[in-house]
């Protein structure tokens, strides 16, 4: 169960990173 939450956290962080990069352009 902990692994699932860790994966979700990484996915959310990655999505935020992509969103931030898109806003800069």
PDB file of N, CA and C in Angstrom:
ATOM      1  N   UNK A   1       0.833  -1.203   0.000  1.00  0.00           N
ATOM      2  CA  UNK A   1       0.000   0.000   0.000  1.00  0.00           C
ATOM      3  C   UNK A   1       0.877   1.267   0.000  1.00  0.00           C
ATOM      4  N   UNK A   2       1.946   1.226   0.761  1.00  0.00           N
ATOM      5  CA  UNK A   2       2.831   2.401   0.801  1.00  0.00           C
ATOM      6  C   UNK A   2       3.432   2.677  -0.574  1.00  0.00           C
ATOM      7  N   UNK A   3       3.717   1.596  -1.305  1.00  0.00           N
ATOM      8  CA  UNK A   3       4.319   1.751  -2.633  1.00  0.00           C
ATOM      9  C   UNK A   3       3.374   2.501  -3.565  1.00  0.00           C
ATOM     10  N   UNK A   4       2.078   2.200  -3.440  1.00  0.00           N
ATOM     11  CA  UNK A   4       1.081   2.852  -4.287  1.00  0.00           C
ATOM     12  C   UNK A   4       1.066   4.359  -4.041  1.00  0.00           C
ATOM     13  N   UNK A   5       1.086   4.746  -2.785  1.00  0.00           N
ATOM     14  CA  UNK A   5       1.068   6.175  -2.458  1.00  0.00           C
ATOM     15  C   UNK A   5       2.343   6.862  -2.927  1.00  0.00           C
ATOM     16  N   UNK A   6       3.466   6.163  -2.823  1.00  0.00           N
ATOM     17  CA  UNK A   6       4.736   6.733  -3.272  1.00  0.00           C
ATOM     18  C   UNK A   6       4.684   6.971  -4.776  1.00  0.00           C
ATOM     19  N   UNK A   7       4.098   6.024  -5.495  1.00  0.00           N
ATOM     20  CA  UNK A   7       3.994   6.173  -6.954  1.00  0.00           C
ATOM     21  C   UNK A   7       3.099   7.357  -7.306  1.00  0.00           C
ATOM     22  N   UNK A   8       1.999   7.500  -6.585  1.00  0.00           N
ATOM     23  CA  UNK A   8       1.087   8.616  -6.840  1.00  0.00           C
ATOM     24  C   UNK A   8       1.784   9.944  -6.566  1.00  0.00           C
ATOM     25  N   UNK A   9       2.553   9.992  -5.499  1.00  0.00           N
ATOM     26  CA  UNK A   9       3.259  11.220  -5.143  1.00  0.00           C
ATOM     27  C   UNK A   9       4.249  11.603  -6.234  1.00  0.00           C
ATOM     28  N   UNK A  10       4.960  10.607  -6.748  1.00  0.00           N
ATOM     29  CA  UNK A  10       5.939  10.865  -7.808  1.00  0.00           C
ATOM     30  C   UNK A  10       5.225  11.357  -9.064  1.00  0.00           C
ATOM     31  N   UNK A  11       4.099  10.743  -9.381  1.00  0.00           N
ATOM     32  CA  UNK A  11       3.344  11.147 -10.578  1.00  0.00           C
ATOM     33  C   UNK A  11       2.853  12.581 -10.454  1.00  0.00           C
ATOM     34  N   UNK A  12       2.335  12.944  -9.277  1.00  0.00           N
ATOM     35  CA  UNK A  12       1.837  14.305  -9.053  1.00  0.00           C
ATOM     36  C   UNK A  12       2.994  15.309  -9.155  1.00  0.00           C
ATOM     37  N   UNK A  13       4.118  14.958  -8.547  1.00  0.00           N
ATOM     38  CA  UNK A  13       5.282  15.837  -8.608  1.00  0.00           C
ATOM     39  C   UNK A  13       5.762  16.015 -10.038  1.00  0.00           C
ATOM     40  N   UNK A  14       5.747  14.924 -10.801  1.00  0.00           N
ATOM     41  CA  UNK A  14       6.193  14.987 -12.198  1.00  0.00           C
ATOM     42  C   UNK A  14       5.247  15.856 -13.021  1.00  0.00           C
ATOM     43  N   UNK A  15       3.946  15.701 -12.770  1.00  0.00           N
ATOM     44  CA  UNK A  15       2.955  16.505 -13.496  1.00  0.00           C
ATOM     45  C   UNK A  15       3.130  17.989 -13.176  1.00  0.00           C
ATOM     46  N   UNK A  16       3.401  18.297 -11.923  1.00  0.00           N
ATOM     47  CA  UNK A  16       3.609  19.701 -11.532  1.00  0.00           C
ATOM     48  C   UNK A  16       4.845  20.254 -12.216  1.00  0.00           C
ATOM     49  N   UNK A  17       5.878  19.413 -12.310  1.00  0.00           N
ATOM     50  CA  UNK A  17       7.120  19.826 -12.964  1.00  0.00           C
ATOM     51  C   UNK A  17       6.860  20.149 -14.436  1.00  0.00           C
ATOM     52  N   UNK A  18       6.101  19.293 -15.102  1.00  0.00           N
ATOM     53  CA  UNK A  18       5.786  19.521 -16.519  1.00  0.00           C
ATOM     54  C   UNK A  18       4.940  20.780 -16.671  1.00  0.00           C
ATOM     55  N   UNK A  19       3.964  20.959 -15.792  1.00  0.00           N
ATOM     56  CA  UNK A  19       3.085  22.124 -15.854  1.00  0.00           C
ATOM     57  C   UNK A  19       3.901  23.404 -15.673  1.00  0.00           C
ATOM     58  N   UNK A  20       4.836  23.400 -14.736  1.00  0.00           N
ATOM     59  CA  UNK A  20       5.678  24.559 -14.474  1.00  0.00           C
ATOM     60  C   UNK A  20       6.546  24.872 -15.687  1.00  0.00           C
ATOM     61  N   UNK A  21       7.068  23.817 -16.321  1.00  0.00           N
ATOM     62  CA  UNK A  21       7.929  24.009 -17.486  1.00  0.00           C
ATOM     63  C   UNK A  21       7.127  24.575 -18.649  1.00  0.00           C
ATOM     64  N   UNK A  22       5.878  24.137 -18.772  1.00  0.00           N
ATOM     65  CA  UNK A  22       5.035  24.620 -19.872  1.00  0.00           C
ATOM     66  C   UNK A  22       4.693  26.097 -19.672  1.00  0.00           C
ATOM     67  N   UNK A  23       4.475  26.496 -18.441  1.00  0.00           N
ATOM     68  CA  UNK A  23       4.117  27.891 -18.143  1.00  0.00           C
ATOM     69  C   UNK A  23       5.274  28.833 -18.466  1.00  0.00           C
ATOM     70  N   UNK A  24       6.505  28.378 -18.283  1.00  0.00           N
ATOM     71  CA  UNK A  24       7.669  29.233 -18.521  1.00  0.00           C
ATOM     72  C   UNK A  24       7.819  29.574 -19.999  1.00  0.00           C
ATOM     73  N   UNK A  25       7.471  28.665 -20.881  1.00  0.00           N
ATOM     74  CA  UNK A  25       7.662  28.908 -22.321  1.00  0.00           C
ATOM     75  C   UNK A  25       6.675  29.948 -22.834  1.00  0.00           C
TER      76      UNK A  25
END
